[in-house]
Protein backbone atom coordinates (compact mmCIF):
# COMPACT_ATOMS: atom_id res chain seq x y z
CA MET A 1 97.88 52.06 87.91
CA GLU A 2 94.26 51.84 89.00
CA ASN A 3 92.22 48.64 89.04
CA LEU A 4 90.46 47.85 85.79
CA GLN A 5 86.68 48.06 85.97
CA GLU A 6 85.97 46.42 82.62
CA SER A 7 87.69 44.28 80.07
CA SER A 8 87.20 44.07 76.34
CA LEU A 9 89.25 42.88 73.39
CA SER A 10 89.91 46.49 72.43
CA ARG A 11 91.30 47.14 75.91
CA VAL A 12 93.44 43.97 75.77
CA TRP A 13 94.73 45.06 72.34
CA LYS A 14 95.50 48.53 73.69
CA HIS A 15 97.57 47.08 76.55
CA PHE A 16 99.46 44.71 74.25
CA LYS A 17 100.22 47.42 71.69
CA ASP A 18 101.19 50.09 74.24
CA GLU A 19 104.97 50.09 74.47
CA ASP A 20 104.78 51.62 77.96
CA THR A 21 102.56 48.89 79.42
CA THR A 22 103.68 45.55 80.82
CA VAL A 23 101.19 42.68 80.87
CA VAL A 24 101.45 39.46 82.89
CA ILE A 25 99.05 36.52 82.62
CA PHE A 26 99.29 33.92 85.36
CA THR A 27 97.27 31.62 87.63
CA ALA A 28 97.29 29.79 90.95
CA PHE A 29 95.54 26.73 89.48
CA ARG A 30 97.30 23.37 89.79
CA ASP A 31 96.29 20.04 88.29
CA GLY A 32 94.52 17.85 90.84
CA GLU A 33 93.75 20.65 93.29
CA PRO A 34 90.08 21.33 94.08
CA TYR A 35 88.54 24.11 91.99
CA LYS A 36 87.32 26.16 94.99
CA LYS A 37 90.76 26.08 96.59
CA SER A 38 92.37 27.28 93.35
CA VAL A 39 89.80 30.08 93.04
CA GLN A 40 90.65 31.20 96.60
CA LYS A 41 94.34 31.27 95.72
CA ASN A 42 93.63 33.32 92.57
CA ARG A 43 91.65 35.77 94.72
CA LYS A 44 94.65 36.02 97.04
CA PHE A 45 96.83 36.78 93.99
CA ALA A 46 94.32 39.46 92.92
CA ALA A 47 94.37 41.00 96.41
CA GLU A 48 98.19 41.15 96.29
CA LEU A 49 97.99 42.90 92.90
CA LYS A 50 95.39 45.36 94.16
CA ASN A 51 97.34 46.10 97.35
CA SER A 52 100.42 46.77 95.22
CA GLY A 53 98.46 49.20 93.03
CA PHE A 54 98.28 47.10 89.84
CA GLY A 55 95.33 46.80 87.49
CA TYR A 56 93.99 43.35 86.67
CA PHE A 57 90.98 41.35 85.51
CA PHE A 58 90.18 37.65 85.35
CA VAL A 59 90.38 35.69 82.10
CA ASP A 60 90.21 32.03 81.07
CA GLY A 61 93.60 30.66 80.03
CA TYR A 62 94.00 27.58 77.82
CA PHE A 63 97.10 25.46 77.24
CA PRO A 64 98.12 21.86 76.47
CA GLU A 65 98.95 19.68 79.48
CA ASN A 66 101.19 16.62 79.09
CA GLU A 67 102.16 18.02 75.71
CA GLY A 68 103.54 15.52 73.24
CA THR A 69 102.28 12.46 75.12
CA GLU A 70 99.25 10.25 74.56
CA ASP A 71 97.77 11.87 77.70
CA GLU A 72 97.87 15.37 76.17
CA VAL A 73 94.73 17.40 76.89
CA GLN A 74 93.72 21.03 76.41
CA VAL A 75 93.28 22.55 79.88
CA LYS A 76 91.29 25.63 80.92
CA GLU A 77 92.34 27.56 84.02
CA ASP A 78 91.02 30.71 85.60
CA SER A 79 93.83 33.21 85.09
CA ILE A 80 94.69 36.81 85.87
CA PHE A 81 95.56 39.50 83.32
CA ALA A 82 97.65 42.08 85.21
CA ILE A 83 99.08 45.35 83.90
CA ALA A 84 101.63 47.97 84.94
CA ASP A 85 103.04 51.12 83.42
CA ALA A 86 106.71 51.53 82.53
CA ASN A 87 107.66 52.77 86.00
CA ASP A 88 106.38 49.62 87.72
CA SER A 89 107.15 47.02 85.06
CA GLN A 90 109.79 45.08 86.99
CA LYS A 91 107.81 45.32 90.21
CA LEU A 92 104.79 43.67 88.54
CA ILE A 93 106.87 40.93 86.90
CA GLU A 94 108.67 40.15 90.16
CA LEU A 95 105.43 40.06 92.18
CA CYS A 96 103.64 37.77 89.68
CA HIS A 97 106.70 35.53 89.40
CA LYS A 98 106.92 35.25 93.19
CA LEU A 99 103.20 34.46 93.53
CA ALA A 100 103.29 31.88 90.72
CA ASN A 101 106.38 30.20 92.13
CA ALA A 102 104.68 29.96 95.54
CA GLU A 103 102.08 27.76 93.83
CA ASN A 104 104.71 25.83 91.85
CA GLN A 105 103.59 27.17 88.47
CA ASP A 106 105.82 26.26 85.54
CA SER A 107 105.81 29.81 84.17
CA ILE A 108 103.99 33.09 83.68
CA ILE A 109 103.32 34.89 80.38
CA VAL A 110 104.86 38.36 80.13
CA LYS A 111 104.55 41.15 77.56
CA GLU A 112 107.31 43.48 78.63
CA LEU A 113 107.73 46.94 77.13
CA ASP A 114 110.07 46.55 74.15
CA LYS A 115 111.18 42.97 74.89
CA GLY A 116 108.21 41.15 73.37
CA ILE A 117 106.06 38.33 74.71
CA TYR A 118 107.62 35.42 76.56
CA PHE A 119 107.15 32.71 79.14
CA LEU A 120 109.15 33.34 82.31
CA ASN A 121 109.80 30.04 84.06
CA GLN A 122 110.56 29.36 87.74
CA GLN A 123 114.31 29.87 87.17
CA LYS A 124 113.63 33.24 85.44
CA GLU A 125 114.56 31.85 82.01
CA LYS A 126 112.66 33.45 79.13
CA TYR A 127 111.09 31.57 76.23
CA PHE A 128 110.01 34.14 73.64
CA LEU A 129 106.75 33.90 71.72
CA GLU A 130 107.43 36.33 68.93
CA LYS A 131 110.12 38.01 66.89
CA GLY A 132 110.88 34.73 65.10
CA LYS A 133 111.68 32.84 68.29
CA ALA A 134 108.62 30.58 68.23
CA THR A 135 106.48 29.28 65.39
CA PHE A 136 102.82 30.27 65.07
CA LYS A 137 101.91 26.62 65.62
CA GLU A 138 103.70 26.66 68.99
CA VAL A 139 102.22 29.99 70.00
CA GLY A 140 98.68 29.04 69.01
CA LYS A 141 98.61 26.26 71.61
CA TYR A 142 98.31 28.92 74.32
CA TYR A 143 95.38 31.27 74.24
CA THR A 144 93.16 33.32 76.50
CA LYS A 145 89.49 34.24 76.53
CA LEU A 146 87.77 37.15 78.20
CA ARG A 147 85.12 36.18 80.70
CA ASN A 148 81.86 36.65 78.89
CA LYS A 149 79.73 34.62 76.52
CA LYS A 150 81.08 36.12 73.29
CA VAL A 151 83.05 33.65 71.17
CA SER A 152 84.77 36.63 69.54
CA ASN A 153 86.60 37.50 72.75
CA LEU A 154 89.30 34.88 72.24
CA PHE A 155 92.87 36.04 71.72
CA VAL A 156 96.14 34.31 70.95
CA PHE A 157 99.67 35.66 70.78
CA GLU A 158 100.03 35.67 67.01
CA GLY A 159 100.61 38.49 64.60
CA THR A 160 98.41 37.35 61.75
CA HIS A 161 94.69 37.30 61.07
CA THR A 162 93.90 34.90 58.25
CA ARG A 163 90.11 35.23 58.05
CA PRO A 164 88.61 38.20 56.20
CA GLY A 165 87.20 40.91 58.43
CA PHE A 166 83.57 42.05 58.46
CA ILE A 167 83.99 44.72 55.76
CA GLU A 168 85.76 42.35 53.38
CA SER A 169 83.23 39.56 53.97
CA PHE A 170 80.28 41.92 53.55
CA SER A 171 81.74 43.36 50.33
CA LYS A 172 82.08 39.85 48.88
CA TYR A 173 78.52 39.06 49.95
CA ILE A 174 77.16 42.19 48.21
CA LYS A 175 79.12 41.42 45.02
CA ASN A 176 77.86 37.81 44.98
CA LYS A 177 74.30 38.93 45.72
CA ASP A 178 74.37 41.32 42.74
CA ASN A 179 75.51 38.48 40.44
CA ILE A 180 72.63 36.17 41.39
């Protein structure tokens, strides 16, 4: 798989919906470590991905730290969105897991072919994020944002969209405008 030259929500959606594509989101960032050092480690991760022939791009990952305690805070970390086709799925997962474990990460996020989306922890245990194995409230705590200034480039691992889309909103606006 060649390196990705651009990233967009439509491309992210394509990778998540493609049954033959595996996606891994992970980071080298650790709490308390200097930002520049963490960025260097993420670049090392990216170089390993590139050298192994995997596509990737950088994203901003968000998650709760110290969850369930009075010290709970929402944390932002530079993260990597890596992809592989069906032939290299396990190779990508194993490489990302190895790299994350080298930096003592709790887990990586994986979207694997027909197995769904899950966290893969250091011991290779899977915690699934869909197919009824996690509530939307749990899943919504973890989200990712593409690296540009558009607020609309935020994505979470949920299957619902509760706000009306542009067409529906515009139709309601036109109907209300005609009644004024």
